[in-house]
Amino acid sequence: MSSESAVSCTRVFWDVVDFTFPKDLAPETIYNNMKSILEKMGFMGDLSIMAYVNLETFPDIPAYENAGFSIIPHQERHRFMLRDIAPSFH
């Protein structure tokens, strides 16, 4: 075994239409809070937050993308969620 450890990636799948982001927090704060919570639970490594949003009403998409969120159209969320989650079970 090498002295380098493998870096894992934890993915969060967030349906923002049904479970909105806190309105009083900046995108960076939401991302950092989620990372901190997961680290306290023992999840280390990279964090990927897949946010399924209504593109017509979701505010400031670039700010969320710059904070590390992947923005996905809510209208197709079931198809994308299945596609995104399924590889985790291999």
N, C-alpha and C. Protein backbone atom coordinates (compact mmCIF):
# COMPACT_ATOMS: atom_id res chain seq x y z
N MET A 1 0.84 -1.17 0.00
CA MET A 1 0.00 0.00 0.00
C MET A 1 0.89 1.23 0.00
N SER A 2 0.56 2.21 -0.82
CA SER A 2 1.39 3.42 -0.90
C SER A 2 1.12 4.33 0.28
N SER A 3 2.02 5.29 0.47
CA SER A 3 1.85 6.22 1.57
C SER A 3 0.79 7.27 1.27
N GLU A 4 0.38 7.35 0.00
CA GLU A 4 -0.68 8.29 -0.35
C GLU A 4 -2.03 7.62 -0.11
N SER A 5 -2.92 8.35 0.50
CA SER A 5 -4.25 7.79 0.72
C SER A 5 -5.19 8.27 -0.38
N ALA A 6 -6.14 7.44 -0.71
CA ALA A 6 -7.11 7.80 -1.74
C ALA A 6 -8.04 8.87 -1.19
N VAL A 7 -8.34 9.84 -2.03
CA VAL A 7 -9.25 10.90 -1.64
C VAL A 7 -10.65 10.52 -2.12
N SER A 8 -11.58 10.54 -1.19
CA SER A 8 -12.95 10.20 -1.55
C SER A 8 -13.74 11.46 -1.87
N CYS A 9 -14.88 11.26 -2.47
CA CYS A 9 -15.78 12.36 -2.77
C CYS A 9 -17.16 12.00 -2.25
N THR A 10 -17.70 12.85 -1.40
CA THR A 10 -19.04 12.67 -0.89
C THR A 10 -19.97 13.52 -1.74
N ARG A 11 -21.07 12.92 -2.20
CA ARG A 11 -22.05 13.65 -2.99
C ARG A 11 -23.33 13.84 -2.20
N VAL A 12 -23.83 15.06 -2.27
CA VAL A 12 -25.12 15.41 -1.67
C VAL A 12 -26.07 15.71 -2.82
N PHE A 13 -27.22 15.06 -2.84
CA PHE A 13 -28.24 15.28 -3.87
C PHE A 13 -29.36 16.08 -3.22
N TRP A 14 -29.54 17.34 -3.64
CA TRP A 14 -30.43 18.28 -2.94
C TRP A 14 -31.51 18.75 -3.90
N ASP A 15 -32.76 18.40 -3.60
CA ASP A 15 -33.92 18.87 -4.37
C ASP A 15 -34.32 20.22 -3.80
N VAL A 16 -33.83 21.29 -4.42
CA VAL A 16 -34.00 22.63 -3.88
C VAL A 16 -35.43 23.14 -4.02
N VAL A 17 -36.21 22.59 -4.95
CA VAL A 17 -37.60 23.02 -5.09
C VAL A 17 -38.40 22.53 -3.89
N ASP A 18 -38.21 21.30 -3.49
CA ASP A 18 -38.95 20.74 -2.35
C ASP A 18 -38.31 21.08 -1.01
N PHE A 19 -37.00 21.26 -0.98
CA PHE A 19 -36.26 21.56 0.26
C PHE A 19 -35.30 22.71 -0.04
N THR A 20 -35.80 23.94 0.13
CA THR A 20 -35.05 25.12 -0.28
C THR A 20 -33.78 25.34 0.54
N PHE A 21 -32.84 26.05 -0.07
CA PHE A 21 -31.66 26.49 0.66
C PHE A 21 -32.07 27.56 1.66
N PRO A 22 -31.36 27.68 2.78
CA PRO A 22 -31.65 28.78 3.71
C PRO A 22 -31.48 30.12 3.00
N LYS A 23 -32.49 30.97 3.08
CA LYS A 23 -32.47 32.23 2.34
C LYS A 23 -31.51 33.26 2.91
N ASP A 24 -31.15 33.12 4.17
CA ASP A 24 -30.29 34.12 4.81
C ASP A 24 -28.81 33.76 4.75
N LEU A 25 -28.44 32.71 4.02
CA LEU A 25 -27.04 32.28 3.94
C LEU A 25 -26.52 32.38 2.51
N ALA A 26 -25.28 32.83 2.39
CA ALA A 26 -24.62 32.90 1.09
C ALA A 26 -24.31 31.48 0.60
N PRO A 27 -24.22 31.28 -0.71
CA PRO A 27 -23.91 29.95 -1.24
C PRO A 27 -22.65 29.34 -0.64
N GLU A 28 -21.60 30.15 -0.46
CA GLU A 28 -20.35 29.64 0.12
C GLU A 28 -20.57 29.14 1.54
N THR A 29 -21.42 29.83 2.28
CA THR A 29 -21.71 29.44 3.67
C THR A 29 -22.46 28.11 3.70
N ILE A 30 -23.43 27.95 2.82
CA ILE A 30 -24.19 26.69 2.76
C ILE A 30 -23.24 25.54 2.44
N TYR A 31 -22.38 25.73 1.44
CA TYR A 31 -21.42 24.70 1.05
C TYR A 31 -20.48 24.37 2.21
N ASN A 32 -19.90 25.39 2.83
CA ASN A 32 -18.95 25.17 3.92
C ASN A 32 -19.62 24.54 5.14
N ASN A 33 -20.86 24.93 5.44
CA ASN A 33 -21.60 24.31 6.55
C ASN A 33 -21.83 22.82 6.29
N MET A 34 -22.22 22.49 5.06
CA MET A 34 -22.45 21.08 4.71
C MET A 34 -21.15 20.29 4.82
N LYS A 35 -20.06 20.85 4.33
CA LYS A 35 -18.75 20.18 4.41
C LYS A 35 -18.36 19.96 5.87
N SER A 36 -18.57 20.98 6.71
CA SER A 36 -18.23 20.88 8.13
C SER A 36 -19.06 19.80 8.83
N ILE A 37 -20.35 19.77 8.54
CA ILE A 37 -21.23 18.76 9.14
C ILE A 37 -20.78 17.36 8.75
N LEU A 38 -20.47 17.17 7.47
CA LEU A 38 -20.04 15.85 6.99
C LEU A 38 -18.70 15.45 7.59
N GLU A 39 -17.78 16.41 7.74
CA GLU A 39 -16.48 16.10 8.36
C GLU A 39 -16.65 15.67 9.80
N LYS A 40 -17.57 16.31 10.53
CA LYS A 40 -17.84 15.92 11.92
C LYS A 40 -18.41 14.51 11.99
N MET A 41 -19.06 14.06 10.90
CA MET A 41 -19.61 12.71 10.84
C MET A 41 -18.58 11.71 10.33
N GLY A 42 -17.37 12.18 10.01
CA GLY A 42 -16.31 11.28 9.58
C GLY A 42 -16.10 11.20 8.08
N PHE A 43 -16.83 11.99 7.31
CA PHE A 43 -16.67 12.00 5.86
C PHE A 43 -15.60 13.03 5.50
N MET A 44 -14.49 12.56 4.97
CA MET A 44 -13.39 13.44 4.58
C MET A 44 -13.27 13.46 3.07
N GLY A 45 -12.52 14.37 2.56
CA GLY A 45 -12.30 14.45 1.12
C GLY A 45 -13.17 15.51 0.47
N ASP A 46 -13.33 15.37 -0.83
CA ASP A 46 -14.07 16.35 -1.60
C ASP A 46 -15.57 16.26 -1.35
N LEU A 47 -16.26 17.37 -1.62
CA LEU A 47 -17.71 17.43 -1.50
C LEU A 47 -18.28 17.89 -2.82
N SER A 48 -19.30 17.20 -3.29
CA SER A 48 -20.02 17.58 -4.49
C SER A 48 -21.49 17.71 -4.11
N ILE A 49 -22.06 18.91 -4.29
CA ILE A 49 -23.48 19.11 -4.01
C ILE A 49 -24.19 19.28 -5.35
N MET A 50 -25.06 18.34 -5.65
CA MET A 50 -25.87 18.37 -6.86
C MET A 50 -27.20 19.01 -6.49
N ALA A 51 -27.43 20.24 -6.97
CA ALA A 51 -28.64 20.99 -6.62
C ALA A 51 -29.62 20.94 -7.79
N TYR A 52 -30.77 20.33 -7.55
CA TYR A 52 -31.81 20.21 -8.56
C TYR A 52 -32.75 21.39 -8.36
N VAL A 53 -32.74 22.36 -9.31
CA VAL A 53 -33.43 23.64 -9.12
C VAL A 53 -34.39 23.92 -10.27
N ASN A 54 -35.34 24.83 -10.02
CA ASN A 54 -36.18 25.38 -11.07
C ASN A 54 -35.39 26.53 -11.69
N LEU A 55 -34.92 26.35 -12.91
CA LEU A 55 -34.06 27.35 -13.56
C LEU A 55 -34.76 28.69 -13.75
N GLU A 56 -36.09 28.69 -13.83
CA GLU A 56 -36.82 29.93 -14.05
C GLU A 56 -36.92 30.79 -12.80
N THR A 57 -36.85 30.19 -11.63
CA THR A 57 -37.04 30.96 -10.40
C THR A 57 -35.85 30.94 -9.46
N PHE A 58 -34.86 30.12 -9.74
CA PHE A 58 -33.72 30.01 -8.83
C PHE A 58 -32.82 31.24 -8.98
N PRO A 59 -32.48 31.89 -7.85
CA PRO A 59 -31.70 33.13 -7.93
C PRO A 59 -30.20 32.88 -8.11
N ASP A 60 -29.59 33.67 -8.94
CA ASP A 60 -28.13 33.78 -9.04
C ASP A 60 -27.40 32.45 -9.19
N ILE A 61 -27.72 31.74 -10.24
CA ILE A 61 -27.09 30.44 -10.51
C ILE A 61 -25.57 30.52 -10.51
N PRO A 62 -24.95 31.54 -11.15
CA PRO A 62 -23.48 31.60 -11.14
C PRO A 62 -22.87 31.66 -9.74
N ALA A 63 -23.53 32.32 -8.80
CA ALA A 63 -22.99 32.39 -7.43
C ALA A 63 -22.94 31.01 -6.80
N TYR A 64 -23.95 30.19 -7.04
CA TYR A 64 -23.97 28.83 -6.49
C TYR A 64 -22.96 27.95 -7.20
N GLU A 65 -22.85 28.10 -8.51
CA GLU A 65 -21.84 27.31 -9.24
C GLU A 65 -20.43 27.68 -8.79
N ASN A 66 -20.18 28.96 -8.58
CA ASN A 66 -18.86 29.41 -8.10
C ASN A 66 -18.56 28.90 -6.70
N ALA A 67 -19.60 28.65 -5.91
CA ALA A 67 -19.41 28.14 -4.54
C ALA A 67 -19.21 26.63 -4.52
N GLY A 68 -19.36 25.97 -5.67
CA GLY A 68 -19.10 24.53 -5.73
C GLY A 68 -20.32 23.66 -5.98
N PHE A 69 -21.48 24.27 -6.21
CA PHE A 69 -22.69 23.51 -6.48
C PHE A 69 -22.78 23.16 -7.96
N SER A 70 -23.30 21.98 -8.26
CA SER A 70 -23.65 21.62 -9.63
C SER A 70 -25.15 21.85 -9.77
N ILE A 71 -25.54 22.72 -10.69
CA ILE A 71 -26.94 23.09 -10.87
C ILE A 71 -27.55 22.23 -11.97
N ILE A 72 -28.68 21.58 -11.64
CA ILE A 72 -29.34 20.67 -12.56
C ILE A 72 -30.82 21.06 -12.65
N PRO A 73 -31.40 21.10 -13.86
CA PRO A 73 -32.81 21.47 -14.00
C PRO A 73 -33.73 20.55 -13.20
N HIS A 74 -34.59 21.14 -12.39
CA HIS A 74 -35.51 20.39 -11.54
C HIS A 74 -36.50 19.57 -12.36
N GLN A 75 -36.90 20.10 -13.50
CA GLN A 75 -37.91 19.41 -14.31
C GLN A 75 -37.47 18.00 -14.68
N GLU A 76 -36.20 17.77 -14.77
CA GLU A 76 -35.69 16.45 -15.15
C GLU A 76 -35.00 15.76 -13.98
N ARG A 77 -35.34 16.17 -12.76
CA ARG A 77 -34.59 15.70 -11.60
C ARG A 77 -34.64 14.20 -11.40
N HIS A 78 -35.77 13.56 -11.64
CA HIS A 78 -35.85 12.12 -11.39
C HIS A 78 -34.91 11.34 -12.30
N ARG A 79 -34.87 11.74 -13.56
CA ARG A 79 -33.96 11.07 -14.51
C ARG A 79 -32.51 11.32 -14.12
N PHE A 80 -32.19 12.58 -13.80
CA PHE A 80 -30.81 12.92 -13.45
C PHE A 80 -30.41 12.33 -12.10
N MET A 81 -31.32 12.34 -11.12
CA MET A 81 -30.99 11.77 -9.81
C MET A 81 -30.66 10.29 -9.96
N LEU A 82 -31.47 9.57 -10.71
CA LEU A 82 -31.22 8.15 -10.91
C LEU A 82 -29.87 7.94 -11.60
N ARG A 83 -29.60 8.73 -12.62
CA ARG A 83 -28.32 8.63 -13.34
C ARG A 83 -27.15 8.99 -12.43
N ASP A 84 -27.32 10.00 -11.57
CA ASP A 84 -26.24 10.46 -10.71
C ASP A 84 -25.99 9.55 -9.52
N ILE A 85 -27.06 8.98 -8.97
CA ILE A 85 -26.93 8.16 -7.76
C ILE A 85 -26.54 6.72 -8.09
N ALA A 86 -27.04 6.17 -9.18
CA ALA A 86 -26.81 4.75 -9.51
C ALA A 86 -25.35 4.32 -9.49
N PRO A 87 -24.40 5.09 -10.05
CA PRO A 87 -23.00 4.64 -10.03
C PRO A 87 -22.42 4.48 -8.62
N SER A 88 -23.03 5.09 -7.64
CA SER A 88 -22.54 4.99 -6.26
C SER A 88 -22.69 3.58 -5.70
N PHE A 89 -23.53 2.77 -6.33
CA PHE A 89 -23.82 1.44 -5.80
C PHE A 89 -23.00 0.34 -6.47
N HIS A 90 -22.07 0.69 -7.31
CA HIS A 90 -21.22 -0.32 -7.96
C HIS A 90 -20.06 -0.68 -7.09
